[in-house]
Amino acid sequence: MPDNALLEKATQAAQKLAEKPIDALTACKKLLKHTIREQLDTAGRLEADEFAVRVRSPEAKEAFDAFFHKRRPDFTKFKTTAPIAKS
């Protein structure tokens, strides 16, 4: 959007919102924030749980050992046991 049209579009959007019932808008905003916060909390917990497992894995031990011995890690000796997540 061109810079010179931004203020006009923002003003139009604000006017439309100002015509809506404030309690309904507040409830929508609260629900959106709750959903996002809940998703972030869940993702954070899942990430922490997975990190706790991964940091104790044979692959992590190999990575740490390689780092301290200033060599490249060799992950070819490990077989996968975790299912690949589908996106």
N, C-alpha and C. Protein backbone atom coordinates (compact mmCIF):
# COMPACT_ATOMS: atom_id res chain seq x y z
N MET A 1 0.85 -1.17 0.00
CA MET A 1 0.00 0.00 0.00
C MET A 1 0.90 1.24 0.00
N PRO A 2 0.59 2.19 -0.82
CA PRO A 2 1.39 3.42 -0.84
C PRO A 2 1.31 4.16 0.50
N ASP A 3 2.41 4.77 0.89
CA ASP A 3 2.46 5.49 2.17
C ASP A 3 1.36 6.54 2.30
N ASN A 4 1.07 7.24 1.21
CA ASN A 4 0.09 8.33 1.30
C ASN A 4 -1.34 7.82 1.48
N ALA A 5 -1.59 6.54 1.25
CA ALA A 5 -2.93 5.97 1.42
C ALA A 5 -3.09 5.28 2.77
N LEU A 6 -2.00 5.07 3.47
CA LEU A 6 -2.04 4.32 4.72
C LEU A 6 -2.91 4.97 5.78
N LEU A 7 -2.75 6.26 6.00
CA LEU A 7 -3.53 6.96 7.03
C LEU A 7 -5.01 6.89 6.72
N GLU A 8 -5.38 7.07 5.47
CA GLU A 8 -6.79 7.03 5.08
C GLU A 8 -7.38 5.64 5.33
N LYS A 9 -6.66 4.59 4.95
CA LYS A 9 -7.15 3.21 5.16
C LYS A 9 -7.25 2.90 6.65
N ALA A 10 -6.27 3.33 7.43
CA ALA A 10 -6.29 3.08 8.87
C ALA A 10 -7.47 3.82 9.51
N THR A 11 -7.73 5.03 9.07
CA THR A 11 -8.86 5.80 9.60
C THR A 11 -10.18 5.13 9.26
N GLN A 12 -10.31 4.63 8.04
CA GLN A 12 -11.53 3.92 7.64
C GLN A 12 -11.73 2.67 8.49
N ALA A 13 -10.67 1.92 8.71
CA ALA A 13 -10.77 0.71 9.53
C ALA A 13 -11.16 1.07 10.96
N ALA A 14 -10.56 2.12 11.50
CA ALA A 14 -10.89 2.55 12.87
C ALA A 14 -12.35 2.98 12.97
N GLN A 15 -12.84 3.67 11.95
CA GLN A 15 -14.24 4.10 11.96
C GLN A 15 -15.19 2.90 11.93
N LYS A 16 -14.86 1.90 11.13
CA LYS A 16 -15.69 0.68 11.09
C LYS A 16 -15.71 0.00 12.45
N LEU A 17 -14.54 -0.11 13.06
CA LEU A 17 -14.48 -0.75 14.38
C LEU A 17 -15.23 0.06 15.43
N ALA A 18 -15.18 1.38 15.33
CA ALA A 18 -15.87 2.24 16.29
C ALA A 18 -17.38 2.08 16.24
N GLU A 19 -17.89 1.60 15.12
CA GLU A 19 -19.34 1.39 14.97
C GLU A 19 -19.80 0.05 15.55
N LYS A 20 -18.86 -0.81 15.91
CA LYS A 20 -19.19 -2.14 16.43
C LYS A 20 -19.40 -2.08 17.94
N PRO A 21 -20.11 -3.08 18.49
CA PRO A 21 -20.31 -3.12 19.95
C PRO A 21 -18.98 -3.40 20.67
N ILE A 22 -18.62 -2.53 21.59
CA ILE A 22 -17.32 -2.60 22.25
C ILE A 22 -17.13 -3.91 23.03
N ASP A 23 -18.17 -4.39 23.69
CA ASP A 23 -18.03 -5.64 24.46
C ASP A 23 -17.74 -6.83 23.54
N ALA A 24 -18.37 -6.85 22.37
CA ALA A 24 -18.12 -7.95 21.42
C ALA A 24 -16.69 -7.87 20.89
N LEU A 25 -16.22 -6.67 20.58
CA LEU A 25 -14.84 -6.52 20.12
C LEU A 25 -13.84 -6.92 21.20
N THR A 26 -14.13 -6.52 22.42
CA THR A 26 -13.25 -6.87 23.54
C THR A 26 -13.21 -8.37 23.73
N ALA A 27 -14.37 -9.02 23.63
CA ALA A 27 -14.42 -10.48 23.77
C ALA A 27 -13.64 -11.17 22.66
N CYS A 28 -13.79 -10.69 21.43
CA CYS A 28 -13.04 -11.27 20.30
C CYS A 28 -11.54 -11.14 20.52
N LYS A 29 -11.11 -9.96 20.93
CA LYS A 29 -9.69 -9.73 21.15
C LYS A 29 -9.15 -10.63 22.26
N LYS A 30 -9.95 -10.76 23.32
CA LYS A 30 -9.56 -11.62 24.44
C LYS A 30 -9.42 -13.08 23.98
N LEU A 31 -10.38 -13.55 23.18
CA LEU A 31 -10.33 -14.93 22.69
C LEU A 31 -9.15 -15.16 21.76
N LEU A 32 -8.87 -14.19 20.89
CA LEU A 32 -7.72 -14.32 19.99
C LEU A 32 -6.42 -14.38 20.78
N LYS A 33 -6.29 -13.50 21.76
CA LYS A 33 -5.07 -13.49 22.58
C LYS A 33 -4.94 -14.80 23.36
N HIS A 34 -6.07 -15.29 23.88
CA HIS A 34 -6.05 -16.54 24.65
C HIS A 34 -5.60 -17.70 23.77
N THR A 35 -6.14 -17.76 22.56
CA THR A 35 -5.79 -18.84 21.64
C THR A 35 -4.31 -18.80 21.31
N ILE A 36 -3.81 -17.62 21.00
CA ILE A 36 -2.39 -17.49 20.66
C ILE A 36 -1.53 -17.83 21.87
N ARG A 37 -1.89 -17.32 23.03
CA ARG A 37 -1.13 -17.59 24.26
C ARG A 37 -1.13 -19.08 24.57
N GLU A 38 -2.31 -19.72 24.39
CA GLU A 38 -2.42 -21.15 24.66
C GLU A 38 -1.54 -21.95 23.70
N GLN A 39 -1.54 -21.56 22.43
CA GLN A 39 -0.70 -22.25 21.44
C GLN A 39 0.78 -22.07 21.78
N LEU A 40 1.16 -20.87 22.18
CA LEU A 40 2.56 -20.63 22.54
C LEU A 40 2.95 -21.42 23.78
N ASP A 41 2.05 -21.46 24.77
CA ASP A 41 2.33 -22.23 25.98
C ASP A 41 2.50 -23.71 25.66
N THR A 42 1.60 -24.24 24.84
CA THR A 42 1.67 -25.65 24.45
C THR A 42 2.95 -25.92 23.67
N ALA A 43 3.26 -25.06 22.71
CA ALA A 43 4.48 -25.24 21.92
C ALA A 43 5.71 -25.16 22.81
N GLY A 44 5.72 -24.26 23.77
CA GLY A 44 6.85 -24.14 24.68
C GLY A 44 7.04 -25.39 25.53
N ARG A 45 5.93 -25.93 26.02
CA ARG A 45 6.02 -27.17 26.82
C ARG A 45 6.52 -28.33 25.97
N LEU A 46 5.98 -28.46 24.76
CA LEU A 46 6.42 -29.54 23.87
C LEU A 46 7.90 -29.41 23.54
N GLU A 47 8.32 -28.17 23.28
CA GLU A 47 9.73 -27.93 22.95
C GLU A 47 10.63 -28.29 24.13
N ALA A 48 10.24 -27.89 25.33
CA ALA A 48 11.04 -28.20 26.52
C ALA A 48 11.11 -29.70 26.76
N ASP A 49 9.99 -30.40 26.58
CA ASP A 49 9.97 -31.85 26.75
C ASP A 49 10.89 -32.53 25.74
N GLU A 50 10.81 -32.11 24.49
CA GLU A 50 11.63 -32.71 23.44
C GLU A 50 13.11 -32.40 23.68
N PHE A 51 13.41 -31.17 24.10
CA PHE A 51 14.78 -30.80 24.38
C PHE A 51 15.36 -31.68 25.49
N ALA A 52 14.57 -31.94 26.53
CA ALA A 52 15.03 -32.78 27.64
C ALA A 52 15.38 -34.18 27.16
N VAL A 53 14.63 -34.69 26.21
CA VAL A 53 14.91 -36.02 25.65
C VAL A 53 16.14 -35.95 24.75
N ARG A 54 16.16 -34.96 23.86
CA ARG A 54 17.24 -34.87 22.87
C ARG A 54 18.60 -34.60 23.51
N VAL A 55 18.65 -33.81 24.55
CA VAL A 55 19.95 -33.46 25.15
C VAL A 55 20.59 -34.68 25.83
N ARG A 56 19.80 -35.71 26.10
CA ARG A 56 20.33 -36.93 26.72
C ARG A 56 20.53 -38.05 25.69
N SER A 57 20.30 -37.74 24.43
CA SER A 57 20.36 -38.77 23.39
C SER A 57 21.79 -39.13 23.04
N PRO A 58 21.98 -40.29 22.43
CA PRO A 58 23.31 -40.67 21.96
C PRO A 58 23.88 -39.65 20.95
N GLU A 59 23.00 -39.08 20.13
CA GLU A 59 23.45 -38.09 19.17
C GLU A 59 24.01 -36.85 19.87
N ALA A 60 23.34 -36.41 20.93
CA ALA A 60 23.83 -35.25 21.68
C ALA A 60 25.16 -35.57 22.34
N LYS A 61 25.27 -36.77 22.88
CA LYS A 61 26.54 -37.17 23.51
C LYS A 61 27.67 -37.15 22.48
N GLU A 62 27.38 -37.62 21.27
CA GLU A 62 28.37 -37.59 20.20
C GLU A 62 28.73 -36.15 19.85
N ALA A 63 27.74 -35.28 19.77
CA ALA A 63 27.98 -33.88 19.43
C ALA A 63 28.85 -33.20 20.48
N PHE A 64 28.54 -33.44 21.76
CA PHE A 64 29.34 -32.84 22.84
C PHE A 64 30.77 -33.39 22.83
N ASP A 65 30.89 -34.69 22.65
CA ASP A 65 32.21 -35.30 22.61
C ASP A 65 33.04 -34.75 21.45
N ALA A 66 32.42 -34.63 20.30
CA ALA A 66 33.12 -34.09 19.13
C ALA A 66 33.53 -32.64 19.38
N PHE A 67 32.66 -31.88 19.98
CA PHE A 67 32.98 -30.47 20.26
C PHE A 67 34.19 -30.36 21.19
N PHE A 68 34.17 -31.12 22.26
CA PHE A 68 35.27 -31.03 23.23
C PHE A 68 36.58 -31.59 22.69
N HIS A 69 36.49 -32.51 21.73
CA HIS A 69 37.70 -33.08 21.13
C HIS A 69 38.05 -32.40 19.80
N LYS A 70 37.34 -31.29 19.51
CA LYS A 70 37.61 -30.48 18.31
C LYS A 70 37.63 -31.31 17.02
N ARG A 71 36.58 -32.11 16.87
CA ARG A 71 36.43 -32.91 15.66
C ARG A 71 34.99 -32.79 15.18
N ARG A 72 34.78 -33.20 13.96
CA ARG A 72 33.41 -33.20 13.42
C ARG A 72 32.64 -34.38 14.01
N PRO A 73 31.38 -34.18 14.38
CA PRO A 73 30.59 -35.30 14.90
C PRO A 73 30.26 -36.28 13.79
N ASP A 74 30.16 -37.55 14.16
CA ASP A 74 29.80 -38.60 13.21
C ASP A 74 28.46 -39.18 13.62
N PHE A 75 27.42 -38.75 12.95
CA PHE A 75 26.06 -39.21 13.28
C PHE A 75 25.64 -40.40 12.43
N THR A 76 26.51 -40.90 11.57
CA THR A 76 26.14 -41.99 10.68
C THR A 76 25.97 -43.31 11.42
N LYS A 77 26.51 -43.42 12.60
CA LYS A 77 26.42 -44.68 13.35
C LYS A 77 25.11 -44.83 14.13
N PHE A 78 24.24 -43.82 14.06
CA PHE A 78 22.99 -43.86 14.82
C PHE A 78 21.82 -44.18 13.91
N LYS A 79 20.99 -45.11 14.36
CA LYS A 79 19.77 -45.43 13.64
C LYS A 79 18.65 -44.59 14.24
N THR A 80 17.73 -44.21 13.39
CA THR A 80 16.61 -43.41 13.88
C THR A 80 15.61 -44.30 14.61
N THR A 81 15.09 -43.78 15.71
CA THR A 81 14.06 -44.49 16.46
C THR A 81 12.81 -43.64 16.56
N ALA A 82 12.95 -42.36 16.22
CA ALA A 82 11.82 -41.45 16.31
C ALA A 82 11.08 -41.40 14.98
N PRO A 83 9.75 -41.44 15.03
CA PRO A 83 9.00 -41.30 13.78
C PRO A 83 9.16 -39.88 13.24
N ILE A 84 9.16 -39.76 11.95
CA ILE A 84 9.26 -38.44 11.33
C ILE A 84 7.88 -37.81 11.35
N ALA A 85 7.82 -36.58 11.90
CA ALA A 85 6.55 -35.88 12.00
C ALA A 85 6.07 -35.47 10.62
N LYS A 86 4.77 -35.61 10.42
CA LYS A 86 4.18 -35.19 9.15
C LYS A 86 3.67 -33.77 9.32
N SER A 87 3.94 -32.95 8.32
CA SER A 87 3.48 -31.56 8.41
C SER A 87 2.25 -31.33 7.59
